[in-house]
């Protein structure tokens, strides 16, 4: 049986959200993500299908991914899955 956790106010430490709490590696990664997405249109303005179609053509920061051929089998360890 689980016990209730008493409500003690804000459980998130605000110190973790200060700029100095972000590692240099994370800061650089975030800057790169911003550079990749800034020139792209917002999906909610152009529509989800437009974005899907452009990704399928290999446009934008994401690759089209690998095609799975017919008859390919992949094993999933999830219970009850084949």
PDB file of N, CA and C in Angstrom:
ATOM      1  N   UNK A   1       0.841  -1.166   0.000  1.00  0.00           N
ATOM      2  CA  UNK A   1       0.000   0.000   0.000  1.00  0.00           C
ATOM      3  C   UNK A   1       0.892   1.237   0.000  1.00  0.00           C
ATOM      4  N   UNK A   2       0.552   2.200  -0.852  1.00  0.00           N
ATOM      5  CA  UNK A   2       1.370   3.400  -0.925  1.00  0.00           C
ATOM      6  C   UNK A   2       0.889   4.431   0.076  1.00  0.00           C
ATOM      7  N   UNK A   3       1.814   5.249   0.512  1.00  0.00           N
ATOM      8  CA  UNK A   3       1.479   6.321   1.439  1.00  0.00           C
ATOM      9  C   UNK A   3       1.395   7.628   0.667  1.00  0.00           C
ATOM     10  N   UNK A   4       0.511   8.484   1.091  1.00  0.00           N
ATOM     11  CA  UNK A   4       0.380   9.793   0.462  1.00  0.00           C
ATOM     12  C   UNK A   4       1.594  10.651   0.800  1.00  0.00           C
ATOM     13  N   UNK A   5       2.037  11.409  -0.169  1.00  0.00           N
ATOM     14  CA  UNK A   5       3.142  12.339   0.064  1.00  0.00           C
ATOM     15  C   UNK A   5       2.538  13.659   0.512  1.00  0.00           C
ATOM     16  N   UNK A   6       2.966  14.161   1.643  1.00  0.00           N
ATOM     17  CA  UNK A   6       2.379  15.413   2.138  1.00  0.00           C
ATOM     18  C   UNK A   6       2.695  16.570   1.188  1.00  0.00           C
ATOM     19  N   UNK A   7       1.726  17.427   1.000  1.00  0.00           N
ATOM     20  CA  UNK A   7       1.904  18.602   0.138  1.00  0.00           C
ATOM     21  C   UNK A   7       2.745  19.628   0.890  1.00  0.00           C
ATOM     22  N   UNK A   8       3.902  19.942   0.348  1.00  0.00           N
ATOM     23  CA  UNK A   8       4.809  20.866   1.032  1.00  0.00           C
ATOM     24  C   UNK A   8       5.098  22.106   0.197  1.00  0.00           C
ATOM     25  N   UNK A   9       4.315  22.351  -0.837  1.00  0.00           N
ATOM     26  CA  UNK A   9       4.564  23.520  -1.676  1.00  0.00           C
ATOM     27  C   UNK A   9       5.264  23.115  -2.961  1.00  0.00           C
ATOM     28  N   UNK A  10       6.056  23.997  -3.483  1.00  0.00           N
ATOM     29  CA  UNK A  10       6.758  23.770  -4.748  1.00  0.00           C
ATOM     30  C   UNK A  10       7.809  22.684  -4.590  1.00  0.00           C
ATOM     31  N   UNK A  11       7.677  21.630  -5.363  1.00  0.00           N
ATOM     32  CA  UNK A  11       8.630  20.521  -5.282  1.00  0.00           C
ATOM     33  C   UNK A  11       9.779  20.677  -6.266  1.00  0.00           C
ATOM     34  N   UNK A  12       9.689  21.651  -7.153  1.00  0.00           N
ATOM     35  CA  UNK A  12      10.764  21.898  -8.099  1.00  0.00           C
ATOM     36  C   UNK A  12      11.675  22.989  -7.557  1.00  0.00           C
ATOM     37  N   UNK A  13      12.939  22.693  -7.526  1.00  0.00           N
ATOM     38  CA  UNK A  13      13.906  23.650  -7.010  1.00  0.00           C
ATOM     39  C   UNK A  13      14.165  24.714  -8.071  1.00  0.00           C
ATOM     40  N   UNK A  14      13.816  25.973  -7.829  1.00  0.00           N
ATOM     41  CA  UNK A  14      14.006  27.022  -8.826  1.00  0.00           C
ATOM     42  C   UNK A  14      15.463  27.204  -9.239  1.00  0.00           C
ATOM     43  N   UNK A  15      16.386  26.798  -8.394  1.00  0.00           N
ATOM     44  CA  UNK A  15      17.810  26.907  -8.723  1.00  0.00           C
ATOM     45  C   UNK A  15      18.131  26.121  -9.997  1.00  0.00           C
ATOM     46  N   UNK A  16      17.419  25.028 -10.212  1.00  0.00           N
ATOM     47  CA  UNK A  16      17.665  24.191 -11.385  1.00  0.00           C
ATOM     48  C   UNK A  16      17.292  24.869 -12.698  1.00  0.00           C
ATOM     49  N   UNK A  17      16.526  25.946 -12.642  1.00  0.00           N
ATOM     50  CA  UNK A  17      16.070  26.637 -13.839  1.00  0.00           C
ATOM     51  C   UNK A  17      16.863  27.902 -14.142  1.00  0.00           C
ATOM     52  N   UNK A  18      17.857  28.184 -13.354  1.00  0.00           N
ATOM     53  CA  UNK A  18      18.704  29.354 -13.594  1.00  0.00           C
ATOM     54  C   UNK A  18      19.694  29.051 -14.712  1.00  0.00           C
ATOM     55  N   UNK A  19      20.071  30.056 -15.498  1.00  0.00           N
ATOM     56  CA  UNK A  19      21.008  29.827 -16.608  1.00  0.00           C
ATOM     57  C   UNK A  19      22.304  29.144 -16.178  1.00  0.00           C
ATOM     58  N   UNK A  20      22.809  29.479 -15.015  1.00  0.00           N
ATOM     59  CA  UNK A  20      24.081  28.889 -14.568  1.00  0.00           C
ATOM     60  C   UNK A  20      23.947  27.407 -14.201  1.00  0.00           C
ATOM     61  N   UNK A  21      22.733  26.905 -14.090  1.00  0.00           N
ATOM     62  CA  UNK A  21      22.530  25.493 -13.774  1.00  0.00           C
ATOM     63  C   UNK A  21      22.606  24.613 -15.024  1.00  0.00           C
ATOM     64  N   UNK A  22      22.612  25.235 -16.206  1.00  0.00           N
ATOM     65  CA  UNK A  22      22.636  24.481 -17.471  1.00  0.00           C
ATOM     66  C   UNK A  22      24.081  24.213 -17.854  1.00  0.00           C
ATOM     67  N   UNK A  23      24.387  22.966 -18.118  1.00  0.00           N
ATOM     68  CA  UNK A  23      25.756  22.606 -18.493  1.00  0.00           C
ATOM     69  C   UNK A  23      26.102  23.205 -19.855  1.00  0.00           C
ATOM     70  N   UNK A  24      27.376  23.371 -20.107  1.00  0.00           N
ATOM     71  CA  UNK A  24      27.840  23.906 -21.386  1.00  0.00           C
ATOM     72  C   UNK A  24      27.407  23.000 -22.540  1.00  0.00           C
ATOM     73  N   UNK A  25      27.482  21.703 -22.336  1.00  0.00           N
ATOM     74  CA  UNK A  25      27.073  20.750 -23.368  1.00  0.00           C
ATOM     75  C   UNK A  25      25.587  20.926 -23.715  1.00  0.00           C
ATOM     76  N   UNK A  26      24.753  21.049 -22.705  1.00  0.00           N
ATOM     77  CA  UNK A  26      23.311  21.234 -22.926  1.00  0.00           C
ATOM     78  C   UNK A  26      23.037  22.575 -23.586  1.00  0.00           C
ATOM     79  N   UNK A  27      23.738  23.616 -23.182  1.00  0.00           N
ATOM     80  CA  UNK A  27      23.553  24.936 -23.770  1.00  0.00           C
ATOM     81  C   UNK A  27      23.878  24.905 -25.264  1.00  0.00           C
ATOM     82  N   UNK A  28      25.000  24.266 -25.631  1.00  0.00           N
ATOM     83  CA  UNK A  28      25.377  24.160 -27.050  1.00  0.00           C
ATOM     84  C   UNK A  28      24.353  23.337 -27.827  1.00  0.00           C
ATOM     85  N   UNK A  29      23.908  22.246 -27.242  1.00  0.00           N
ATOM     86  CA  UNK A  29      22.900  21.404 -27.893  1.00  0.00           C
ATOM     87  C   UNK A  29      21.623  22.200 -28.143  1.00  0.00           C
ATOM     88  N   UNK A  30      21.162  22.934 -27.138  1.00  0.00           N
ATOM     89  CA  UNK A  30      19.957  23.744 -27.277  1.00  0.00           C
ATOM     90  C   UNK A  30      20.111  24.800 -28.370  1.00  0.00           C
ATOM     91  N   UNK A  31      21.291  25.421 -28.447  1.00  0.00           N
ATOM     92  CA  UNK A  31      21.545  26.415 -29.492  1.00  0.00           C
ATOM     93  C   UNK A  31      21.445  25.793 -30.883  1.00  0.00           C
ATOM     94  N   UNK A  32      21.972  24.579 -31.033  1.00  0.00           N
ATOM     95  CA  UNK A  32      21.906  23.897 -32.325  1.00  0.00           C
ATOM     96  C   UNK A  32      20.459  23.551 -32.700  1.00  0.00           C
ATOM     97  N   UNK A  33      19.685  23.099 -31.733  1.00  0.00           N
ATOM     98  CA  UNK A  33      18.272  22.795 -31.984  1.00  0.00           C
ATOM     99  C   UNK A  33      17.541  24.055 -32.444  1.00  0.00           C
ATOM    100  N   UNK A  34      17.808  25.172 -31.783  1.00  0.00           N
ATOM    101  CA  UNK A  34      17.171  26.433 -32.164  1.00  0.00           C
ATOM    102  C   UNK A  34      17.563  26.821 -33.582  1.00  0.00           C
ATOM    103  N   UNK A  35      18.841  26.653 -33.936  1.00  0.00           N
ATOM    104  CA  UNK A  35      19.300  26.971 -35.294  1.00  0.00           C
ATOM    105  C   UNK A  35      18.602  26.101 -36.336  1.00  0.00           C
ATOM    106  N   UNK A  36      18.379  24.840 -36.000  1.00  0.00           N
ATOM    107  CA  UNK A  36      17.727  23.924 -36.945  1.00  0.00           C
ATOM    108  C   UNK A  36      16.260  24.272 -37.170  1.00  0.00           C
ATOM    109  N   UNK A  37      15.581  24.667 -36.118  1.00  0.00           N
ATOM    110  CA  UNK A  37      14.136  24.872 -36.201  1.00  0.00           C
ATOM    111  C   UNK A  37      13.718  26.301 -36.537  1.00  0.00           C
ATOM    112  N   UNK A  38      14.570  27.280 -36.303  1.00  0.00           N
ATOM    113  CA  UNK A  38      14.189  28.670 -36.524  1.00  0.00           C
ATOM    114  C   UNK A  38      13.726  28.946 -37.957  1.00  0.00           C
ATOM    115  N   UNK A  39      14.404  28.434 -38.982  1.00  0.00           N
ATOM    116  CA  UNK A  39      13.957  28.754 -40.346  1.00  0.00           C
ATOM    117  C   UNK A  39      12.727  27.970 -40.807  1.00  0.00           C
ATOM    118  N   UNK A  40      12.315  26.982 -40.044  1.00  0.00           N
ATOM    119  CA  UNK A  40      11.201  26.141 -40.463  1.00  0.00           C
ATOM    120  C   UNK A  40       9.860  26.773 -40.100  1.00  0.00           C
ATOM    121  N   UNK A  41       8.838  26.524 -40.924  1.00  0.00           N
ATOM    122  CA  UNK A  41       7.512  27.032 -40.580  1.00  0.00           C
ATOM    123  C   UNK A  41       6.946  26.258 -39.389  1.00  0.00           C
ATOM    124  N   UNK A  42       6.083  26.888 -38.650  1.00  0.00           N
ATOM    125  CA  UNK A  42       5.412  26.217 -37.535  1.00  0.00           C
ATOM    126  C   UNK A  42       4.413  25.213 -38.096  1.00  0.00           C
ATOM    127  N   UNK A  43       4.423  23.999 -37.560  1.00  0.00           N
ATOM    128  CA  UNK A  43       3.540  22.965 -38.098  1.00  0.00           C
ATOM    129  C   UNK A  43       2.074  23.350 -37.966  1.00  0.00           C
ATOM    130  N   UNK A  44       1.729  24.070 -36.904  1.00  0.00           N
ATOM    131  CA  UNK A  44       0.336  24.432 -36.690  1.00  0.00           C
ATOM    132  C   UNK A  44      -0.130  25.512 -37.672  1.00  0.00           C
ATOM    133  N   UNK A  45       0.813  26.133 -38.365  1.00  0.00           N
ATOM    134  CA  UNK A  45       0.448  27.126 -39.381  1.00  0.00           C
ATOM    135  C   UNK A  45       0.342  26.498 -40.771  1.00  0.00           C
ATOM    136  N   UNK A  46       1.207  25.524 -41.050  1.00  0.00           N
ATOM    137  CA  UNK A  46       1.194  24.904 -42.386  1.00  0.00           C
ATOM    138  C   UNK A  46       0.432  23.589 -42.413  1.00  0.00           C
ATOM    139  N   UNK A  47       0.176  23.013 -41.253  1.00  0.00           N
ATOM    140  CA  UNK A  47      -0.542  21.748 -41.168  1.00  0.00           C
ATOM    141  C   UNK A  47       0.400  20.572 -40.998  1.00  0.00           C
ATOM    142  N   UNK A  48      -0.048  19.611 -40.229  1.00  0.00           N
ATOM    143  CA  UNK A  48       0.776  18.443 -39.913  1.00  0.00           C
ATOM    144  C   UNK A  48       1.128  17.645 -41.162  1.00  0.00           C
ATOM    145  N   UNK A  49       0.190  17.500 -42.095  1.00  0.00           N
ATOM    146  CA  UNK A  49       0.458  16.706 -43.292  1.00  0.00           C
ATOM    147  C   UNK A  49       1.539  17.347 -44.152  1.00  0.00           C
ATOM    148  N   UNK A  50       1.548  18.664 -44.225  1.00  0.00           N
ATOM    149  CA  UNK A  50       2.592  19.362 -44.974  1.00  0.00           C
ATOM    150  C   UNK A  50       3.965  19.052 -44.390  1.00  0.00           C
ATOM    151  N   UNK A  51       4.053  19.052 -43.072  1.00  0.00           N
ATOM    152  CA  UNK A  51       5.321  18.741 -42.407  1.00  0.00           C
ATOM    153  C   UNK A  51       5.700  17.286 -42.662  1.00  0.00           C
ATOM    154  N   UNK A  52       4.742  16.372 -42.565  1.00  0.00           N
ATOM    155  CA  UNK A  52       5.024  14.951 -42.836  1.00  0.00           C
ATOM    156  C   UNK A  52       5.541  14.767 -44.260  1.00  0.00           C
ATOM    157  N   UNK A  53       4.884  15.430 -45.213  1.00  0.00           N
ATOM    158  CA  UNK A  53       5.295  15.305 -46.614  1.00  0.00           C
ATOM    159  C   UNK A  53       6.702  15.841 -46.832  1.00  0.00           C
ATOM    160  N   UNK A  54       7.034  16.965 -46.201  1.00  0.00           N
ATOM    161  CA  UNK A  54       8.378  17.527 -46.372  1.00  0.00           C
ATOM    162  C   UNK A  54       9.424  16.616 -45.739  1.00  0.00           C
ATOM    163  N   UNK A  55       9.104  16.016 -44.606  1.00  0.00           N
ATOM    164  CA  UNK A  55      10.045  15.071 -43.983  1.00  0.00           C
ATOM    165  C   UNK A  55      10.234  13.834 -44.864  1.00  0.00           C
ATOM    166  N   UNK A  56       9.162  13.374 -45.491  1.00  0.00           N
ATOM    167  CA  UNK A  56       9.259  12.211 -46.376  1.00  0.00           C
ATOM    168  C   UNK A  56      10.159  12.512 -47.571  1.00  0.00           C
ATOM    169  N   UNK A  57      10.221  13.786 -47.981  1.00  0.00           N
ATOM    170  CA  UNK A  57      11.102  14.191 -49.082  1.00  0.00           C
ATOM    171  C   UNK A  57      12.520  14.444 -48.604  1.00  0.00           C
ATOM    172  N   UNK A  58      12.753  14.312 -47.285  1.00  0.00           N
ATOM    173  CA  UNK A  58      14.090  14.529 -46.732  1.00  0.00           C
ATOM    174  C   UNK A  58      14.385  15.975 -46.427  1.00  0.00           C
ATOM    175  N   UNK A  59      13.375  16.818 -46.399  1.00  0.00           N
ATOM    176  CA  UNK A  59      13.565  18.223 -46.103  1.00  0.00           C
ATOM    177  C   UNK A  59      13.501  18.452 -44.597  1.00  0.00           C
ATOM    178  N   UNK A  60      14.215  19.451 -44.131  1.00  0.00           N
ATOM    179  CA  UNK A  60      14.203  19.772 -42.716  1.00  0.00           C
ATOM    180  C   UNK A  60      15.312  19.056 -41.965  1.00  0.00           C
ATOM    181  N   UNK A  61      15.345  19.205 -40.645  1.00  0.00           N
ATOM    182  CA  UNK A  61      16.448  18.668 -39.858  1.00  0.00           C
ATOM    183  C   UNK A  61      16.377  17.166 -39.595  1.00  0.00           C
ATOM    184  N   UNK A  62      15.265  16.522 -39.929  1.00  0.00           N
ATOM    185  CA  UNK A  62      15.131  15.100 -39.643  1.00  0.00           C
ATOM    186  C   UNK A  62      15.276  14.287 -40.914  1.00  0.00           C
ATOM    187  N   UNK A  63      15.932  13.146 -40.792  1.00  0.00           N
ATOM    188  CA  UNK A  63      16.039  12.256 -41.942  1.00  0.00           C
ATOM    189  C   UNK A  63      14.707  11.550 -42.150  1.00  0.00           C
ATOM    190  N   UNK A  64      14.566  10.913 -43.295  1.00  0.00           N
ATOM    191  CA  UNK A  64      13.327  10.197 -43.580  1.00  0.00           C
ATOM    192  C   UNK A  64      13.270   8.875 -42.830  1.00  0.00           C
ATOM    193  N   UNK A  65      14.384   8.419 -42.292  1.00  0.00           N
ATOM    194  CA  UNK A  65      14.394   7.156 -41.569  1.00  0.00           C
ATOM    195  C   UNK A  65      14.577   5.989 -42.525  1.00  0.00           C
ATOM    196  N   UNK A  66      14.727   4.838 -41.976  1.00  0.00           N
ATOM    197  CA  UNK A  66      14.947   3.639 -42.778  1.00  0.00           C
ATOM    198  C   UNK A  66      13.616   3.041 -43.204  1.00  0.00           C
ATOM    199  N   UNK A  67      13.572   2.588 -44.419  1.00  0.00           N
ATOM    200  CA  UNK A  67      12.393   1.892 -44.913  1.00  0.00           C
ATOM    201  C   UNK A  67      12.460   0.442 -44.447  1.00  0.00           C
ATOM    202  N   UNK A  68      11.357  -0.080 -44.007  1.00  0.00           N
ATOM    203  CA  UNK A  68      11.285  -1.477 -43.589  1.00  0.00           C
ATOM    204  C   UNK A  68      10.658  -2.246 -44.736  1.00  0.00           C
ATOM    205  N   UNK A  69      11.402  -3.207 -45.264  1.00  0.00           N
ATOM    206  CA  UNK A  69      10.917  -3.983 -46.389  1.00  0.00           C
ATOM    207  C   UNK A  69       9.795  -4.937 -46.005  1.00  0.00           C
ATOM    208  N   UNK A  70       9.041  -5.340 -47.002  1.00  0.00           N
ATOM    209  CA  UNK A  70       7.942  -6.276 -46.762  1.00  0.00           C
ATOM    210  C   UNK A  70       8.515  -7.598 -46.271  1.00  0.00           C
ATOM    211  N   UNK A  71       7.888  -8.158 -45.275  1.00  0.00           N
ATOM    212  CA  UNK A  71       8.327  -9.432 -44.729  1.00  0.00           C
ATOM    213  C   UNK A  71       9.391  -9.314 -43.656  1.00  0.00           C
ATOM    214  N   UNK A  72       9.818  -8.098 -43.338  1.00  0.00           N
ATOM    215  CA  UNK A  72      10.817  -7.917 -42.291  1.00  0.00           C
ATOM    216  C   UNK A  72      10.154  -8.172 -40.941  1.00  0.00           C
ATOM    217  N   UNK A  73      10.886  -8.812 -40.058  1.00  0.00           N
ATOM    218  CA  UNK A  73      10.354  -9.116 -38.739  1.00  0.00           C
ATOM    219  C   UNK A  73      11.248  -8.500 -37.674  1.00  0.00           C
ATOM    220  N   UNK A  74      10.633  -7.845 -36.728  1.00  0.00           N
ATOM    221  CA  UNK A  74      11.354  -7.270 -35.606  1.00  0.00           C
ATOM    222  C   UNK A  74      10.755  -7.813 -34.331  1.00  0.00           C
ATOM    223  N   UNK A  75      11.612  -8.116 -33.380  1.00  0.00           N
ATOM    224  CA  UNK A  75      11.160  -8.684 -32.118  1.00  0.00           C
ATOM    225  C   UNK A  75      10.996  -7.598 -31.082  1.00  0.00           C
ATOM    226  N   UNK A  76       9.878  -7.616 -30.417  1.00  0.00           N
ATOM    227  CA  UNK A  76       9.589  -6.686 -29.340  1.00  0.00           C
ATOM    228  C   UNK A  76       9.507  -7.508 -28.068  1.00  0.00           C
ATOM    229  N   UNK A  77      10.206  -7.061 -27.046  1.00  0.00           N
ATOM    230  CA  UNK A  77      10.239  -7.822 -25.806  1.00  0.00           C
ATOM    231  C   UNK A  77       8.993  -7.632 -24.948  1.00  0.00           C
ATOM    232  N   UNK A  78       8.081  -6.822 -25.408  1.00  0.00           N
ATOM    233  CA  UNK A  78       6.872  -6.565 -24.630  1.00  0.00           C
ATOM    234  C   UNK A  78       6.033  -7.821 -24.436  1.00  0.00           C
ATOM    235  N   UNK A  79       5.422  -7.938 -23.292  1.00  0.00           N
ATOM    236  CA  UNK A  79       4.603  -9.106 -22.959  1.00  0.00           C
ATOM    237  C   UNK A  79       3.456  -9.247 -23.947  1.00  0.00           C
ATOM    238  N   UNK A  80       3.291 -10.445 -24.467  1.00  0.00           N
ATOM    239  CA  UNK A  80       2.197 -10.726 -25.376  1.00  0.00           C
ATOM    240  C   UNK A  80       2.423 -10.289 -26.802  1.00  0.00           C
ATOM    241  N   UNK A  81       3.631  -9.818 -27.122  1.00  0.00           N
ATOM    242  CA  UNK A  81       3.935  -9.357 -28.480  1.00  0.00           C
ATOM    243  C   UNK A  81       4.664 -10.458 -29.239  1.00  0.00           C
ATOM    244  N   UNK A  82       4.408 -10.500 -30.522  1.00  0.00           N
ATOM    245  CA  UNK A  82       5.099 -11.484 -31.358  1.00  0.00           C
ATOM    246  C   UNK A  82       6.159 -10.814 -32.190  1.00  0.00           C
TER     247      UNK A  82
END
